[in-house]
Amino acid sequence: MSGAVTLQPAGPLEAGVIAALQRACFPDDPWDAASIATLAGPPGGFAVLALAGEQPVGFVLARVAAEDAEILAIGVLPEARGGGLGRRLVEAAMEGAGRLGATALFLEVAEDNDAARALYKTCGFYSVGRRPGYYRRADGRVAALVLRHAVTGPSLPAGH
């Protein structure tokens, strides 16, 4: 993939695009557009799309409830990986969570997803729990690690 990738806010109207990205990134765990539309809308839900030109290549879907925020789903198409886009999407989720009043951002990651775990570690997330057998795989079940990161609020620098 070549060219600049831009991030733009998304919401219920982009649910079909996000659902297609989710399906492409996680074929074993597709989400339907109606569910995404509900999660991406108010109160507290938000999403960000990553676009290479006009082509969607990644997304993050999150929600805020009281002072806690959660990344519900994040994905980058295989051809767009390795260039820092995942980090940019995590940072966009942190910024959005802070804008909506969250002081902590949580996420779950499959214990066997080494690339994602490495990304979250470099972003400053740390483990606060483990859910055995949470994710289904063709060869069995895998634990989910629950990760946390403090959110500093809406004063994050622009572009983060």
Protein backbone atom coordinates (compact mmCIF):
# COMPACT_ATOMS: atom_id res chain seq x y z
CA MET A 1 0.00 0.00 0.00
CA SER A 2 1.32 3.43 -0.86
CA GLY A 3 0.16 6.96 -0.16
CA ALA A 4 -0.91 8.82 2.91
CA VAL A 5 -3.50 7.35 5.22
CA THR A 6 -5.93 9.76 6.83
CA LEU A 7 -8.16 9.24 9.84
CA GLN A 8 -11.72 10.51 9.93
CA PRO A 9 -14.53 10.26 12.45
CA ALA A 10 -17.17 7.68 11.63
CA GLY A 11 -20.56 6.86 13.04
CA PRO A 12 -23.69 4.84 12.39
CA LEU A 13 -23.80 5.89 8.72
CA GLU A 14 -20.44 4.19 8.11
CA ALA A 15 -21.46 0.97 9.88
CA GLY A 16 -21.51 -1.02 6.62
CA VAL A 17 -17.94 0.02 5.81
CA ILE A 18 -16.78 -0.85 9.32
CA ALA A 19 -18.57 -4.21 9.16
CA ALA A 20 -16.79 -5.03 5.89
CA LEU A 21 -13.42 -4.12 7.43
CA GLN A 22 -14.20 -6.18 10.54
CA ARG A 23 -15.08 -9.17 8.34
CA ALA A 24 -11.87 -8.77 6.30
CA CYS A 25 -9.68 -8.44 9.40
CA PHE A 26 -11.45 -11.07 11.52
CA PRO A 27 -13.28 -13.55 9.26
CA ASP A 28 -13.96 -15.87 12.23
CA ASP A 29 -15.72 -13.07 14.15
CA PRO A 30 -17.78 -10.92 11.75
CA TRP A 31 -20.04 -8.22 13.16
CA ASP A 32 -23.18 -7.06 11.40
CA ALA A 33 -23.70 -3.44 10.35
CA ALA A 34 -26.76 -3.00 12.59
CA SER A 35 -24.77 -3.90 15.71
CA ILE A 36 -21.93 -1.60 14.68
CA ALA A 37 -24.36 1.26 13.98
CA THR A 38 -25.76 0.91 17.50
CA LEU A 39 -22.30 0.78 19.08
CA ALA A 40 -20.88 3.70 17.04
CA GLY A 41 -23.68 6.09 17.93
CA PRO A 42 -24.64 8.10 20.95
CA PRO A 43 -24.57 7.98 23.81
CA GLY A 44 -20.86 7.36 24.20
CA GLY A 45 -20.07 5.36 21.08
CA PHE A 46 -17.61 6.51 18.45
CA ALA A 47 -15.55 5.17 15.58
CA VAL A 48 -12.65 6.27 13.40
CA LEU A 49 -11.98 5.13 9.84
CA ALA A 50 -8.53 5.00 8.24
CA LEU A 51 -8.54 5.82 4.53
CA ALA A 52 -5.80 5.36 1.95
CA GLY A 53 -7.13 7.84 -0.57
CA GLU A 54 -10.80 6.88 -0.64
CA GLN A 55 -10.15 3.21 0.24
CA PRO A 56 -10.98 2.16 3.83
CA VAL A 57 -8.03 0.24 5.31
CA GLY A 58 -8.67 0.28 9.04
CA PHE A 59 -10.99 1.27 11.87
CA VAL A 60 -11.43 1.53 15.60
CA LEU A 61 -14.78 1.27 17.36
CA ALA A 62 -15.05 2.38 20.99
CA ARG A 63 -17.50 3.47 23.63
CA VAL A 64 -17.44 5.45 26.85
CA ALA A 65 -19.57 4.76 29.92
CA ALA A 66 -18.97 7.08 32.86
CA GLU A 67 -15.20 7.32 33.35
CA ASP A 68 -14.31 4.09 31.54
CA ALA A 69 -13.84 3.65 27.82
CA GLU A 70 -13.40 0.44 25.88
CA ILE A 71 -12.00 -0.33 22.46
CA LEU A 72 -14.64 -2.74 21.20
CA ALA A 73 -12.89 -3.56 17.93
CA ILE A 74 -9.86 -2.37 16.01
CA GLY A 75 -8.56 -3.68 12.72
CA VAL A 76 -6.15 -2.89 9.91
CA LEU A 77 -6.27 -4.71 6.58
CA PRO A 78 -3.24 -6.99 6.10
CA GLU A 79 -1.86 -4.91 3.23
CA ALA A 80 -1.91 -1.78 5.42
CA ARG A 81 -0.15 -3.29 8.44
CA GLY A 82 3.36 -2.53 9.61
CA GLY A 83 3.35 1.22 9.00
CA GLY A 84 2.09 2.49 12.35
CA LEU A 85 -1.60 2.68 11.44
CA GLY A 86 -2.64 0.48 14.36
CA ARG A 87 -0.88 2.86 16.75
CA ARG A 88 -2.60 5.86 15.15
CA LEU A 89 -5.99 4.19 15.58
CA VAL A 90 -5.26 3.38 19.24
CA GLU A 91 -4.21 7.00 19.79
CA ALA A 92 -7.42 8.19 18.09
CA ALA A 93 -9.42 6.02 20.49
CA MET A 94 -7.51 7.50 23.44
CA GLU A 95 -8.23 11.01 22.20
CA GLY A 96 -11.92 10.29 21.61
CA ALA A 97 -12.25 8.66 25.02
CA GLY A 98 -10.65 11.67 26.69
CA ARG A 99 -12.95 14.06 24.85
CA LEU A 100 -15.93 12.11 26.19
CA GLY A 101 -14.67 12.27 29.78
CA ALA A 102 -13.03 8.86 30.23
CA THR A 103 -10.07 8.47 32.55
CA ALA A 104 -9.25 4.87 31.57
CA LEU A 105 -9.32 2.93 28.31
CA PHE A 106 -9.72 -0.84 28.31
CA LEU A 107 -9.51 -3.48 25.61
CA GLU A 108 -9.40 -7.23 25.23
CA VAL A 109 -6.87 -9.04 23.09
CA ALA A 110 -6.45 -12.71 22.31
CA GLU A 111 -3.56 -14.17 24.25
CA ASP A 112 -2.16 -15.67 21.03
CA ASN A 113 -2.22 -12.36 19.08
CA ASP A 114 1.44 -11.47 19.56
CA ALA A 115 1.47 -8.56 17.10
CA ALA A 116 -1.49 -6.82 18.76
CA ARG A 117 -0.11 -7.46 22.24
CA ALA A 118 3.21 -5.90 21.23
CA LEU A 119 1.41 -2.86 19.81
CA TYR A 120 -0.64 -2.34 22.95
CA LYS A 121 2.44 -2.72 25.15
CA THR A 122 4.30 -0.03 23.19
CA CYS A 123 1.20 2.19 23.53
CA GLY A 124 1.41 1.85 27.33
CA PHE A 125 -1.35 -0.68 28.03
CA TYR A 126 -0.87 -3.16 30.85
CA SER A 127 -2.71 -6.33 31.84
CA VAL A 128 -5.42 -6.15 34.50
CA GLY A 129 -7.10 -9.49 33.92
CA ARG A 130 -7.46 -12.68 31.92
CA ARG A 131 -10.59 -14.42 30.63
CA PRO A 132 -9.86 -18.10 29.94
CA GLY A 133 -11.42 -19.60 26.82
CA TYR A 134 -12.92 -16.28 25.68
CA TYR A 135 -12.12 -16.50 21.95
CA ARG A 136 -13.11 -19.46 19.78
CA ARG A 137 -10.58 -20.85 17.35
CA ALA A 138 -10.82 -23.72 14.89
CA ASP A 139 -8.47 -25.68 17.15
CA GLY A 140 -10.05 -24.69 20.47
CA ARG A 141 -10.41 -21.64 22.68
CA VAL A 142 -7.94 -18.90 23.58
CA ALA A 143 -7.89 -16.62 26.61
CA ALA A 144 -8.54 -12.90 26.36
CA LEU A 145 -6.20 -10.54 28.16
CA VAL A 146 -7.88 -7.44 29.57
CA LEU A 147 -5.61 -4.41 29.17
CA ARG A 148 -5.85 -0.89 30.61
CA HIS A 149 -4.37 2.51 29.82
CA ALA A 150 -4.89 5.81 31.63
CA VAL A 151 -6.50 8.53 29.52
CA THR A 152 -5.14 12.01 30.07
CA GLY A 153 -8.16 13.90 28.75
CA PRO A 154 -8.90 16.27 25.89
CA SER A 155 -5.57 18.09 26.11
CA LEU A 156 -3.75 15.53 23.95
CA PRO A 157 -1.79 17.14 21.10
CA ALA A 158 -3.55 17.35 17.73
CA GLY A 159 -2.98 14.30 15.57
CA HIS A 160 -2.72 11.89 18.50
